[in-house]
Amino acid sequence: MGPGSLHELSALALVELYRRREVSPVEAVESVLGQVERWEPHIRALYLLRPELAIEQARASEARWMKGEPLGAIDGVPFTIKDNIATKGDPVPLGTAATQLTPAKDDAPPAARARESGGVMFAKTTMPDYGMLSSGLSSFHALTRNPWNVALTAGGSSAGGGAATAAGYGPLHIGTDIGGSLRLPASWCGVFTLKPSLGRVPIDPPYMGRAAGPMTRDVASAALFMQVLAKPDARDSMNLPYQDIAWSSFDAGVAKLKGLRVGLLLEAGCGLPVEPEVHDAIARAARLFEEAGATVIPMKPFMTPAMLGGMDWFWRMRSYIDMQALPPERKARVLPYIQQWADSAAGMTGEAVFNAFSQFHHTRVQANAACNAFDYVISPVAPMPAFPAEYASPTNDPMRPLEHIGFTVPFNMSEQPAASINCGYTSSGLPIGLQIAGHRFDDLGVLQVARAFEIIRGSVGGIQHPWPQPPASAAAHAD
C-alpha cells in the first residue's frame, strides 16, 4: 500500500507503522486530506477543515515517534469530532444557524482525551439542527450525503461522522447518541460504532441517555479509541467510576459466541415496520450466530407506541422551551421541520409533560427486564435502509419524526452498551446494520461479540462489499 492509500488503514495498523518508522504521521494525514479533497464536494461531511493545522500536529507527532516517545495510544492518528463536542477556541453551532458562534473556552472531555493522546484532529463533522434529526439536513451546514449513494442520507445526528468514516477520512471519528445518533448513521453508512454504557465515555454537558462513542470501519479501531475516550473526567456528573478495562482483549475470536444465549428482536413494538430486506439480513446474521454455537431465541417486542410517543412529546417540549428563549429573528433561522415539531408542544399541560417524561423510566425498566434472560440481544438498527438525503426523517413528517428509533432508543434509556455493525446490503447495494446490545457496563463484551461477528461476516462471501469510491466526476452538489 502506497502513501496515497494510508487513509484506508486501521488505527492499529497506522500506529504499528509509526512504531516501525515505516510511515510518518505526516504521510498519513496527507493521504487523508487527499481523500477529503476527492470526496468532500460530493458528501459535505466536514466543518472547520484545517489542513495546515493538521500537518503541524502530524509533524509534532512524527518528532515524538522518531524519539520513541508517543503521547498515547493514538499518537499521529487522524480523527474527526462532531460539531456538538466542544473544541477549545472553536464555535459550537449545534448544527443550526440560530446559534451564536461563540468560541468554546475548553475542549470537552472526548476532544481533550483524544488530543492528550496525540491524535491529529483535522476537522469537525456535521450534524442537523440541535441533533434532533436522523439525517444530515441542517440550517447551518451543507446537506451531508451518503457515500454509498449520494442521493441518500448518511443518517444522523452524527451525520458527518458516518459519512466521513465510510468515505475513508481516516480511521477514527467521534459522535454522540441520545436515541440512535451513532448507530443510525453507522447502519446506513455501513460502518461500526459503539454507543457505550452511559457515563463510560465522559461528556460535557451530560444529559439523560446521551453518550459519546467511536465511529470506525472496524472493531479493532473502536477498541483502541475506547482506551483513550473512556478515561475519567470530573466535568461529567454522570461519569461511571473509572475501570481499567482490557480494551485490547476485544478479539476473543468466534469462540466468544459459543454457548451464549442471544435474544433476537425482529419487531420493535412501535414505529415503522421492518422492511423485508432488513428483516432477512438480520435473520441471516442470527443464523451465523447459531452456526458459531450461540443459542438464538426470538424475543417479543417490549417497546410500545406510548413509550416512544412519550419520549417524543417530552423532547418536543424541551425544544419548545429552548426555542422560546431565542429572539424571534434567531428562532426563524432554525430548520422549519424542527420549528414545527417543537411548536406542536405549545399547548401541553403540566400533567401531559409529566406523563410524557414518565415514559423514559418505563422504557428503562422494560428494556432491562426484556434483556435479563439473555447474554446479548441482536436486532436491526433501523427498520429501513437510508432514505432520501433531503428528508428530515424517514417519514419526512414533523408529527411522526421518531418512528424509526424503536430499536435504538431503549438502550439509551436503559444505559446499556449497543453497537452497530454492517451485516449485509439491500438489492440496490445499501448497507444494513445489525445492533448488538449487552448488559449495562459490558462494553467490552459487546465489542468482543461484534468482533466475532466481524470474523464470521468476513468468512461468508458477499456480506462485506468494497468501500465506496469518490465519483470520477469533479462535479459537486450545489448545496
Protein backbone atom coordinates (compact mmCIF):
# COMPACT_ATOMS: atom_id res chain seq x y z
CA MET A 1 0.00 0.00 0.00
CA GLY A 2 1.45 3.33 -1.09
CA PRO A 3 1.45 6.57 0.90
CA GLY A 4 -1.63 7.74 -1.01
CA SER A 5 -3.69 4.86 0.40
CA LEU A 6 -2.82 5.30 4.07
CA HIS A 7 -6.28 6.76 4.72
CA GLU A 8 -7.66 3.22 4.25
CA LEU A 9 -5.67 1.74 7.14
CA SER A 10 -7.00 0.97 10.60
CA ALA A 11 -5.78 2.91 13.61
CA LEU A 12 -3.86 -0.12 14.87
CA ALA A 13 -2.14 -0.55 11.51
CA LEU A 14 -1.09 3.10 11.40
CA VAL A 15 0.30 3.04 14.93
CA GLU A 16 2.31 -0.09 14.15
CA LEU A 17 3.76 1.53 11.02
CA TYR A 18 4.69 4.63 13.04
CA ARG A 19 6.33 2.44 15.65
CA ARG A 20 8.43 0.69 12.99
CA ARG A 21 9.18 4.07 11.39
CA GLU A 22 7.91 2.81 8.05
CA VAL A 23 5.32 5.56 7.75
CA SER A 24 5.19 9.09 9.10
CA PRO A 25 2.06 10.66 10.62
CA VAL A 26 2.59 13.43 8.07
CA GLU A 27 2.17 10.94 5.22
CA ALA A 28 -0.96 9.52 6.84
CA VAL A 29 -2.54 12.93 7.30
CA GLU A 30 -1.65 13.94 3.74
CA SER A 31 -3.34 10.78 2.49
CA VAL A 32 -6.48 11.57 4.50
CA LEU A 33 -6.54 15.15 3.22
CA GLY A 34 -6.25 13.86 -0.33
CA GLN A 35 -9.25 11.59 0.21
CA VAL A 36 -11.18 14.51 1.70
CA GLU A 37 -10.40 16.59 -1.38
CA ARG A 38 -11.77 13.83 -3.63
CA TRP A 39 -14.92 13.10 -1.63
CA GLU A 40 -15.94 16.26 0.20
CA PRO A 41 -17.57 18.13 -2.71
CA HIS A 42 -19.97 15.20 -3.03
CA ILE A 43 -20.83 14.35 0.60
CA ARG A 44 -20.18 17.53 2.65
CA ALA A 45 -19.31 15.72 5.88
CA LEU A 46 -16.94 18.26 7.43
CA TYR A 47 -16.92 21.51 9.38
CA LEU A 48 -13.77 23.51 10.24
CA LEU A 49 -11.44 21.54 7.96
CA ARG A 50 -7.92 22.82 8.73
CA PRO A 51 -5.26 21.12 6.60
CA GLU A 52 -2.37 23.36 7.74
CA LEU A 53 -3.08 22.77 11.43
CA ALA A 54 -3.40 19.04 10.79
CA ILE A 55 0.02 18.92 9.12
CA GLU A 56 1.51 20.90 12.00
CA GLN A 57 0.11 18.37 14.51
CA ALA A 58 1.37 15.49 12.37
CA ARG A 59 4.89 16.92 12.28
CA ALA A 60 4.91 17.18 16.07
CA SER A 61 3.77 13.56 16.27
CA GLU A 62 6.45 12.50 13.80
CA ALA A 63 9.10 14.06 16.03
CA ARG A 64 7.76 12.19 19.06
CA TRP A 65 7.76 8.86 17.22
CA MET A 66 11.32 9.46 15.99
CA LYS A 67 12.34 9.78 19.64
CA GLY A 68 10.26 6.77 20.64
CA GLU A 69 8.10 8.95 22.91
CA PRO A 70 4.47 8.86 21.68
CA LEU A 71 1.98 10.67 23.88
CA GLY A 72 -0.54 7.86 23.88
CA ALA A 73 -2.34 5.07 22.06
CA ILE A 74 -3.38 7.15 19.02
CA ASP A 75 -0.43 9.49 18.60
CA GLY A 76 -0.40 10.68 15.00
CA VAL A 77 -3.68 9.03 14.03
CA PRO A 78 -6.08 11.37 12.17
CA PHE A 79 -9.53 11.82 13.74
CA THR A 80 -12.64 13.96 13.46
CA ILE A 81 -15.06 15.08 16.13
CA LYS A 82 -18.73 16.04 15.92
CA ASP A 83 -19.81 19.70 15.81
CA ASN A 84 -21.56 19.49 19.23
CA ILE A 85 -18.46 18.31 21.13
CA ALA A 86 -16.62 21.48 22.12
CA THR A 87 -13.07 22.08 20.96
CA LYS A 88 -11.19 24.97 22.53
CA GLY A 89 -11.36 28.20 20.53
CA ASP A 90 -13.95 26.93 18.07
CA PRO A 91 -17.66 27.84 17.89
CA VAL A 92 -20.18 25.08 18.60
CA PRO A 93 -23.09 25.75 16.23
CA LEU A 94 -25.06 22.60 17.15
CA GLY A 95 -25.98 22.23 13.51
CA THR A 96 -28.24 25.28 13.45
CA ALA A 97 -27.98 28.78 12.05
CA ALA A 98 -29.77 30.01 15.19
CA THR A 99 -26.69 29.55 17.39
CA GLN A 100 -24.39 32.45 18.22
CA LEU A 101 -20.88 31.45 17.14
CA THR A 102 -19.02 31.95 20.41
CA PRO A 103 -15.62 30.20 20.71
CA ALA A 104 -15.58 27.39 23.27
CA LYS A 105 -13.40 28.01 26.32
CA ASP A 106 -12.18 24.42 26.65
CA ASP A 107 -12.09 21.05 24.98
CA ALA A 108 -14.98 18.82 26.02
CA PRO A 109 -13.81 15.50 27.52
CA PRO A 110 -13.71 13.40 24.30
CA ALA A 111 -11.74 16.09 22.49
CA ALA A 112 -9.39 16.56 25.44
CA ARG A 113 -8.65 12.84 25.76
CA ALA A 114 -8.02 12.40 22.03
CA ARG A 115 -5.67 15.37 21.83
CA GLU A 116 -3.83 14.44 25.02
CA SER A 117 -3.15 11.05 23.43
CA GLY A 118 -1.57 12.69 20.38
CA GLY A 119 -4.43 12.25 17.93
CA VAL A 120 -4.46 14.61 14.94
CA MET A 121 -7.81 16.43 14.75
CA PHE A 122 -8.06 17.68 11.18
CA ALA A 123 -11.77 18.64 11.11
CA LYS A 124 -15.11 18.55 12.88
CA THR A 125 -18.15 16.82 11.40
CA THR A 126 -21.65 17.96 10.56
CA MET A 127 -24.96 17.40 12.32
CA PRO A 128 -28.62 18.51 11.91
CA ASP A 129 -30.21 21.31 13.96
CA TYR A 130 -29.73 20.59 17.68
CA GLY A 131 -29.06 16.94 16.85
CA MET A 132 -32.80 16.30 16.69
CA LEU A 133 -32.89 14.58 13.28
CA SER A 134 -31.65 11.25 11.96
CA SER A 135 -30.45 12.93 8.78
CA GLY A 136 -27.80 15.35 7.55
CA LEU A 137 -30.27 18.18 6.98
CA SER A 138 -29.11 21.37 8.69
CA SER A 139 -29.79 25.10 8.60
CA PHE A 140 -26.07 25.74 9.28
CA HIS A 141 -24.12 23.00 7.49
CA ALA A 142 -24.40 21.96 3.87
CA LEU A 143 -26.52 18.86 3.31
CA THR A 144 -24.50 15.76 4.23
CA ARG A 145 -24.88 12.80 1.89
CA ASN A 146 -24.18 9.07 1.98
CA PRO A 147 -21.05 7.84 0.15
CA TRP A 148 -22.85 4.62 -0.86
CA ASN A 149 -25.41 6.71 -2.77
CA VAL A 150 -25.11 10.50 -2.66
CA ALA A 151 -28.83 10.88 -3.32
CA LEU A 152 -29.46 9.38 0.12
CA THR A 153 -28.94 10.44 3.72
CA ALA A 154 -25.92 9.50 5.79
CA GLY A 155 -28.22 9.40 8.82
CA GLY A 156 -27.89 11.44 11.96
CA SER A 157 -27.44 13.13 14.12
CA SER A 158 -23.78 12.06 13.77
CA ALA A 159 -24.25 12.62 10.05
CA GLY A 160 -20.79 13.82 9.12
CA GLY A 161 -19.13 11.18 11.26
CA GLY A 162 -20.92 8.35 9.48
CA ALA A 163 -20.24 9.76 6.03
CA ALA A 164 -16.59 10.52 6.83
CA THR A 165 -15.99 7.00 8.13
CA ALA A 166 -17.50 5.35 5.06
CA ALA A 167 -15.63 7.70 2.72
CA GLY A 168 -12.26 6.84 4.26
CA TYR A 169 -11.45 10.10 6.01
CA GLY A 170 -9.01 8.20 8.23
CA PRO A 171 -9.78 5.56 10.84
CA LEU A 172 -11.19 7.45 13.86
CA HIS A 173 -14.29 9.60 14.34
CA ILE A 174 -16.25 10.67 17.43
CA GLY A 175 -20.02 11.10 17.50
CA THR A 176 -22.80 11.28 20.07
CA ASP A 177 -26.03 9.34 20.60
CA ILE A 178 -29.18 10.08 22.61
CA GLY A 179 -31.68 7.93 20.70
CA GLY A 180 -29.63 6.30 17.94
CA SER A 181 -27.45 9.13 16.65
CA LEU A 182 -24.32 6.98 16.43
CA ARG A 183 -25.94 3.70 15.43
CA LEU A 184 -28.33 5.00 12.76
CA PRO A 185 -25.66 6.69 10.60
CA ALA A 186 -23.35 3.73 11.23
CA SER A 187 -26.06 1.40 9.94
CA TRP A 188 -26.90 3.46 6.87
CA CYS A 189 -23.22 4.12 6.06
CA GLY A 190 -22.11 0.52 6.67
CA VAL A 191 -19.59 1.35 9.40
CA PHE A 192 -19.03 0.26 13.01
CA THR A 193 -19.89 2.12 16.16
CA LEU A 194 -20.23 1.50 19.88
CA LYS A 195 -22.71 3.52 21.91
CA PRO A 196 -21.12 2.89 25.30
CA SER A 197 -22.84 2.41 28.62
CA LEU A 198 -24.00 5.81 29.87
CA GLY A 199 -21.06 7.50 31.57
CA ARG A 200 -18.39 5.19 30.17
CA VAL A 201 -17.08 7.98 27.94
CA PRO A 202 -17.26 11.29 29.84
CA ILE A 203 -19.04 14.13 28.06
CA ASP A 204 -19.82 17.74 28.91
CA PRO A 205 -22.60 18.69 29.14
CA PRO A 206 -24.03 15.33 30.24
CA TYR A 207 -27.72 14.54 29.68
CA MET A 208 -30.10 11.65 30.21
CA GLY A 209 -29.25 8.93 27.69
CA ARG A 210 -26.52 10.96 25.95
CA ALA A 211 -23.36 9.04 25.09
CA ALA A 212 -20.25 9.77 23.04
CA GLY A 213 -18.51 6.99 21.18
CA PRO A 214 -16.23 5.95 18.31
CA MET A 215 -17.22 5.58 14.66
CA THR A 216 -14.79 3.41 12.70
CA ARG A 217 -14.60 0.97 9.81
CA ASP A 218 -13.52 -1.92 12.03
CA VAL A 219 -13.98 -3.13 15.60
CA ALA A 220 -10.24 -3.00 16.35
CA SER A 221 -10.03 0.75 15.75
CA ALA A 222 -13.04 1.35 18.01
CA ALA A 223 -11.47 -0.74 20.78
CA LEU A 224 -8.23 1.24 20.50
CA PHE A 225 -10.15 4.52 20.62
CA MET A 226 -12.04 3.39 23.73
CA GLN A 227 -8.67 3.13 25.53
CA VAL A 228 -8.47 6.88 25.06
CA LEU A 229 -12.08 8.06 25.30
CA ALA A 230 -13.02 6.12 28.44
CA LYS A 231 -10.55 7.90 30.70
CA PRO A 232 -12.25 9.83 33.53
CA ASP A 233 -13.24 13.49 33.59
CA ALA A 234 -14.81 15.16 36.62
CA ARG A 235 -16.89 17.50 34.47
CA ASP A 236 -19.31 14.67 33.67
CA SER A 237 -21.63 14.31 36.67
CA MET A 238 -22.93 11.04 35.14
CA ASN A 239 -19.45 9.57 34.60
CA LEU A 240 -19.06 5.94 35.69
CA PRO A 241 -16.31 5.14 38.19
CA TYR A 242 -13.19 4.60 36.13
CA GLN A 243 -12.34 1.00 35.29
CA ASP A 244 -9.09 -0.14 33.74
CA ILE A 245 -10.86 -2.24 31.10
CA ALA A 246 -8.71 -4.51 28.94
CA TRP A 247 -9.88 -2.98 25.69
CA SER A 248 -7.01 -4.69 23.86
CA SER A 249 -8.69 -8.06 24.54
CA PHE A 250 -11.58 -7.13 22.23
CA ASP A 251 -10.65 -10.01 19.89
CA ALA A 252 -11.76 -13.15 21.70
CA GLY A 253 -12.42 -14.86 18.38
CA VAL A 254 -15.54 -16.66 17.20
CA ALA A 255 -15.28 -18.83 20.34
CA LYS A 256 -16.82 -15.86 22.20
CA LEU A 257 -20.19 -16.80 20.70
CA LYS A 258 -20.20 -20.45 21.78
CA GLY A 259 -22.77 -21.12 24.48
CA LEU A 260 -24.20 -17.57 24.54
CA ARG A 261 -27.94 -17.02 24.93
CA VAL A 262 -28.74 -14.40 22.31
CA GLY A 263 -32.13 -12.72 22.06
CA LEU A 264 -33.36 -11.99 18.54
CA LEU A 265 -35.60 -8.91 18.34
CA LEU A 266 -37.16 -8.53 14.91
CA GLU A 267 -40.05 -6.25 15.83
CA ALA A 268 -39.65 -3.02 17.80
CA GLY A 269 -43.23 -2.91 19.04
CA CYS A 270 -43.67 0.67 17.86
CA GLY A 271 -42.99 2.87 14.88
CA LEU A 272 -42.48 1.79 11.29
CA PRO A 273 -42.48 -1.90 10.31
CA VAL A 274 -39.21 -3.62 9.46
CA GLU A 275 -38.73 -3.76 5.70
CA PRO A 276 -38.28 -7.26 4.22
CA GLU A 277 -34.66 -6.85 3.12
CA VAL A 278 -33.68 -5.59 6.58
CA HIS A 279 -35.57 -8.46 8.25
CA ASP A 280 -33.84 -11.01 6.03
CA ALA A 281 -30.34 -9.59 6.67
CA ILE A 282 -30.83 -9.72 10.45
CA ALA A 283 -32.24 -13.25 10.22
CA ARG A 284 -29.17 -14.33 8.22
CA ALA A 285 -26.91 -12.80 10.87
CA ALA A 286 -28.81 -14.72 13.54
CA ARG A 287 -28.17 -17.97 11.68
CA LEU A 288 -24.44 -17.19 11.65
CA PHE A 289 -24.57 -16.74 15.42
CA GLU A 290 -26.25 -20.15 15.72
CA GLU A 291 -23.69 -21.80 13.44
CA ALA A 292 -20.96 -20.40 15.74
CA GLY A 293 -22.52 -22.09 18.76
CA ALA A 294 -24.84 -19.45 20.20
CA THR A 295 -28.42 -20.25 21.17
CA VAL A 296 -30.61 -17.67 19.43
CA ILE A 297 -34.05 -17.16 20.97
CA PRO A 298 -36.78 -15.00 19.42
CA MET A 299 -37.92 -12.12 21.63
CA LYS A 300 -41.27 -10.43 21.91
CA PRO A 301 -41.27 -6.63 21.45
CA PHE A 302 -41.01 -4.68 24.70
CA MET A 303 -41.38 -1.14 23.39
CA THR A 304 -44.85 0.37 22.92
CA PRO A 305 -46.22 3.34 20.96
CA ALA A 306 -46.90 5.04 24.31
CA MET A 307 -43.22 4.81 25.30
CA LEU A 308 -41.94 6.19 22.01
CA GLY A 309 -44.67 8.83 21.87
CA GLY A 310 -43.97 9.99 25.42
CA MET A 311 -40.29 10.48 24.74
CA ASP A 312 -41.10 12.31 21.51
CA TRP A 313 -43.50 14.73 23.22
CA PHE A 314 -41.12 15.41 26.11
CA TRP A 315 -38.33 16.24 23.67
CA ARG A 316 -40.73 18.50 21.77
CA MET A 317 -41.44 20.42 24.97
CA ARG A 318 -37.75 20.67 25.82
CA SER A 319 -37.03 22.07 22.36
CA TYR A 320 -40.06 24.36 22.50
CA ILE A 321 -38.77 25.90 25.75
CA ASP A 322 -35.26 26.27 24.30
CA MET A 323 -36.58 28.00 21.18
CA GLN A 324 -38.93 30.26 23.12
CA ALA A 325 -35.82 31.68 24.78
CA LEU A 326 -34.41 32.72 21.39
CA PRO A 327 -35.06 36.16 19.90
CA PRO A 328 -37.61 35.82 17.06
CA GLU A 329 -35.03 36.55 14.37
CA ARG A 330 -32.82 33.71 15.61
CA LYS A 331 -35.66 31.22 16.03
CA ALA A 332 -36.62 31.94 12.42
CA ARG A 333 -33.25 30.51 11.32
CA VAL A 334 -33.99 27.08 12.80
CA LEU A 335 -34.89 24.39 10.28
CA PRO A 336 -38.66 24.72 9.64
CA TYR A 337 -39.21 21.00 10.33
CA ILE A 338 -37.69 21.40 13.81
CA GLN A 339 -39.69 24.58 14.46
CA GLN A 340 -42.95 22.88 13.55
CA TRP A 341 -42.09 19.82 15.65
CA ALA A 342 -41.22 21.88 18.73
CA ASP A 343 -44.10 24.36 18.40
CA SER A 344 -46.57 21.47 18.46
CA ALA A 345 -45.84 21.17 22.21
CA ALA A 346 -47.06 24.70 22.98
CA GLY A 347 -50.39 23.54 24.43
CA MET A 348 -49.12 20.70 26.61
CA THR A 349 -50.34 20.72 30.20
CA GLY A 350 -48.12 20.00 33.18
CA GLU A 351 -49.83 16.63 33.56
CA ALA A 352 -49.13 15.79 29.91
CA VAL A 353 -45.45 16.70 30.27
CA PHE A 354 -45.16 14.60 33.43
CA ASN A 355 -46.80 11.61 31.76
CA ALA A 356 -44.52 12.00 28.75
CA PHE A 357 -41.42 12.17 30.95
CA SER A 358 -42.54 9.04 32.82
CA GLN A 359 -42.11 7.01 29.63
CA PHE A 360 -38.32 7.37 29.85
CA HIS A 361 -38.22 5.41 33.09
CA HIS A 362 -40.83 2.95 31.86
CA THR A 363 -38.66 2.30 28.80
CA ARG A 364 -35.63 1.74 31.03
CA VAL A 365 -37.48 -0.80 33.19
CA GLN A 366 -38.92 -2.69 30.23
CA ALA A 367 -35.62 -2.80 28.32
CA ASN A 368 -33.72 -4.21 31.28
CA ALA A 369 -36.46 -6.75 32.04
CA ALA A 370 -36.56 -7.92 28.42
CA CYS A 371 -32.77 -8.33 28.23
CA ASN A 372 -32.23 -10.06 31.57
CA ALA A 373 -32.83 -13.54 30.13
CA PHE A 374 -30.07 -13.15 27.55
CA ASP A 375 -26.34 -12.54 27.37
CA TYR A 376 -26.79 -10.25 24.37
CA VAL A 377 -29.63 -9.05 22.16
CA ILE A 378 -29.40 -8.64 18.39
CA SER A 379 -31.82 -6.66 16.24
CA PRO A 380 -32.00 -4.28 13.31
CA VAL A 381 -30.61 -0.83 14.00
CA ALA A 382 -33.36 0.72 11.88
CA PRO A 383 -36.40 -0.73 10.16
CA MET A 384 -35.31 0.64 6.77
CA PRO A 385 -32.15 1.45 4.80
CA ALA A 386 -31.08 5.02 4.01
CA PHE A 387 -33.78 7.37 2.74
CA PRO A 388 -33.57 10.50 0.52
CA ALA A 389 -30.93 12.99 1.64
CA GLU A 390 -33.36 15.92 1.57
CA TYR A 391 -35.75 14.22 4.04
CA ALA A 392 -35.57 15.23 7.70
CA SER A 393 -36.67 11.73 8.74
CA PRO A 394 -37.88 8.56 7.03
CA THR A 395 -41.49 9.82 7.16
CA ASN A 396 -40.43 13.43 6.47
CA ASP A 397 -43.35 14.37 8.74
CA PRO A 398 -42.63 16.50 11.86
CA MET A 399 -45.68 14.96 13.54
CA ARG A 400 -44.19 11.46 13.04
CA PRO A 401 -40.49 12.17 13.47
CA LEU A 402 -39.17 9.27 15.56
CA GLU A 403 -40.87 6.18 14.18
CA HIS A 404 -37.55 4.70 13.12
CA ILE A 405 -35.79 4.69 16.55
CA GLY A 406 -37.78 1.94 18.28
CA PHE A 407 -34.80 -0.42 18.23
CA THR A 408 -32.16 2.10 19.31
CA VAL A 409 -33.65 4.50 21.87
CA PRO A 410 -34.45 1.92 24.59
CA PHE A 411 -30.75 1.19 25.07
CA ASN A 412 -30.03 4.88 25.68
CA MET A 413 -32.63 4.98 28.43
CA SER A 414 -31.52 1.66 29.95
CA GLU A 415 -27.89 2.85 29.78
CA GLN A 416 -26.81 -0.40 28.09
CA PRO A 417 -23.98 -0.58 25.56
CA ALA A 418 -25.10 -1.20 21.98
CA ALA A 419 -23.13 -1.44 18.75
CA SER A 420 -23.99 -1.27 15.06
CA ILE A 421 -22.08 -3.44 12.62
CA ASN A 422 -22.76 -3.97 8.95
CA CYS A 423 -24.47 -7.31 8.23
CA GLY A 424 -25.47 -7.08 4.59
CA TYR A 425 -26.93 -4.96 1.81
CA THR A 426 -30.18 -4.34 0.04
CA SER A 427 -30.60 -5.41 -3.59
CA SER A 428 -29.57 -1.85 -4.54
CA GLY A 429 -26.37 -2.07 -2.50
CA LEU A 430 -27.33 -0.08 0.61
CA PRO A 431 -25.80 -1.21 3.92
CA ILE A 432 -27.90 -2.76 6.70
CA GLY A 433 -26.80 -2.52 10.33
CA LEU A 434 -27.04 -5.25 12.97
CA GLN A 435 -27.45 -3.92 16.52
CA ILE A 436 -25.70 -5.86 19.30
CA ALA A 437 -26.76 -4.84 22.82
CA GLY A 438 -25.27 -6.07 26.07
CA HIS A 439 -25.95 -5.71 29.76
CA ARG A 440 -25.12 -2.40 31.40
CA PHE A 441 -21.35 -1.95 31.86
CA ASP A 442 -20.49 -4.86 29.49
CA ASP A 443 -18.96 -2.61 26.83
CA LEU A 444 -16.01 -4.93 26.28
CA GLY A 445 -18.33 -7.90 25.83
CA VAL A 446 -20.28 -6.06 23.14
CA LEU A 447 -17.02 -5.30 21.34
CA GLN A 448 -16.00 -8.97 21.59
CA VAL A 449 -19.32 -10.17 20.16
CA ALA A 450 -19.08 -7.57 17.40
CA ARG A 451 -15.55 -8.72 16.59
CA ALA A 452 -16.72 -12.35 16.48
CA PHE A 453 -19.44 -11.37 14.01
CA GLU A 454 -16.92 -9.34 12.01
CA ILE A 455 -14.85 -12.53 11.63
CA ILE A 456 -17.87 -14.61 10.63
CA ARG A 457 -19.03 -11.92 8.24
CA GLY A 458 -15.65 -11.97 6.53
CA SER A 459 -15.81 -15.74 6.03
CA VAL A 460 -19.14 -15.57 4.19
CA GLY A 461 -18.89 -14.24 0.65
CA GLY A 462 -20.92 -11.20 -0.29
CA ILE A 463 -21.64 -9.83 3.18
CA GLN A 464 -18.99 -7.12 3.07
CA HIS A 465 -18.70 -5.08 -0.12
CA PRO A 466 -15.71 -2.91 -1.10
CA TRP A 467 -15.90 0.62 0.28
CA PRO A 468 -17.44 3.25 -1.99
CA GLN A 469 -15.05 5.33 -4.06
CA PRO A 470 -15.30 9.03 -4.95
CA PRO A 471 -17.21 9.79 -8.15
CA ALA A 472 -14.92 10.17 -11.13
CA SER A 473 -16.51 13.49 -11.99
CA ALA A 474 -15.31 16.57 -10.14
CA ALA A 475 -18.86 18.00 -10.18
CA ALA A 476 -20.13 18.96 -6.75
CA HIS A 477 -23.64 19.32 -5.43
CA ALA A 478 -24.87 22.90 -5.36
CA ASP A 479 -25.80 22.71 -1.70
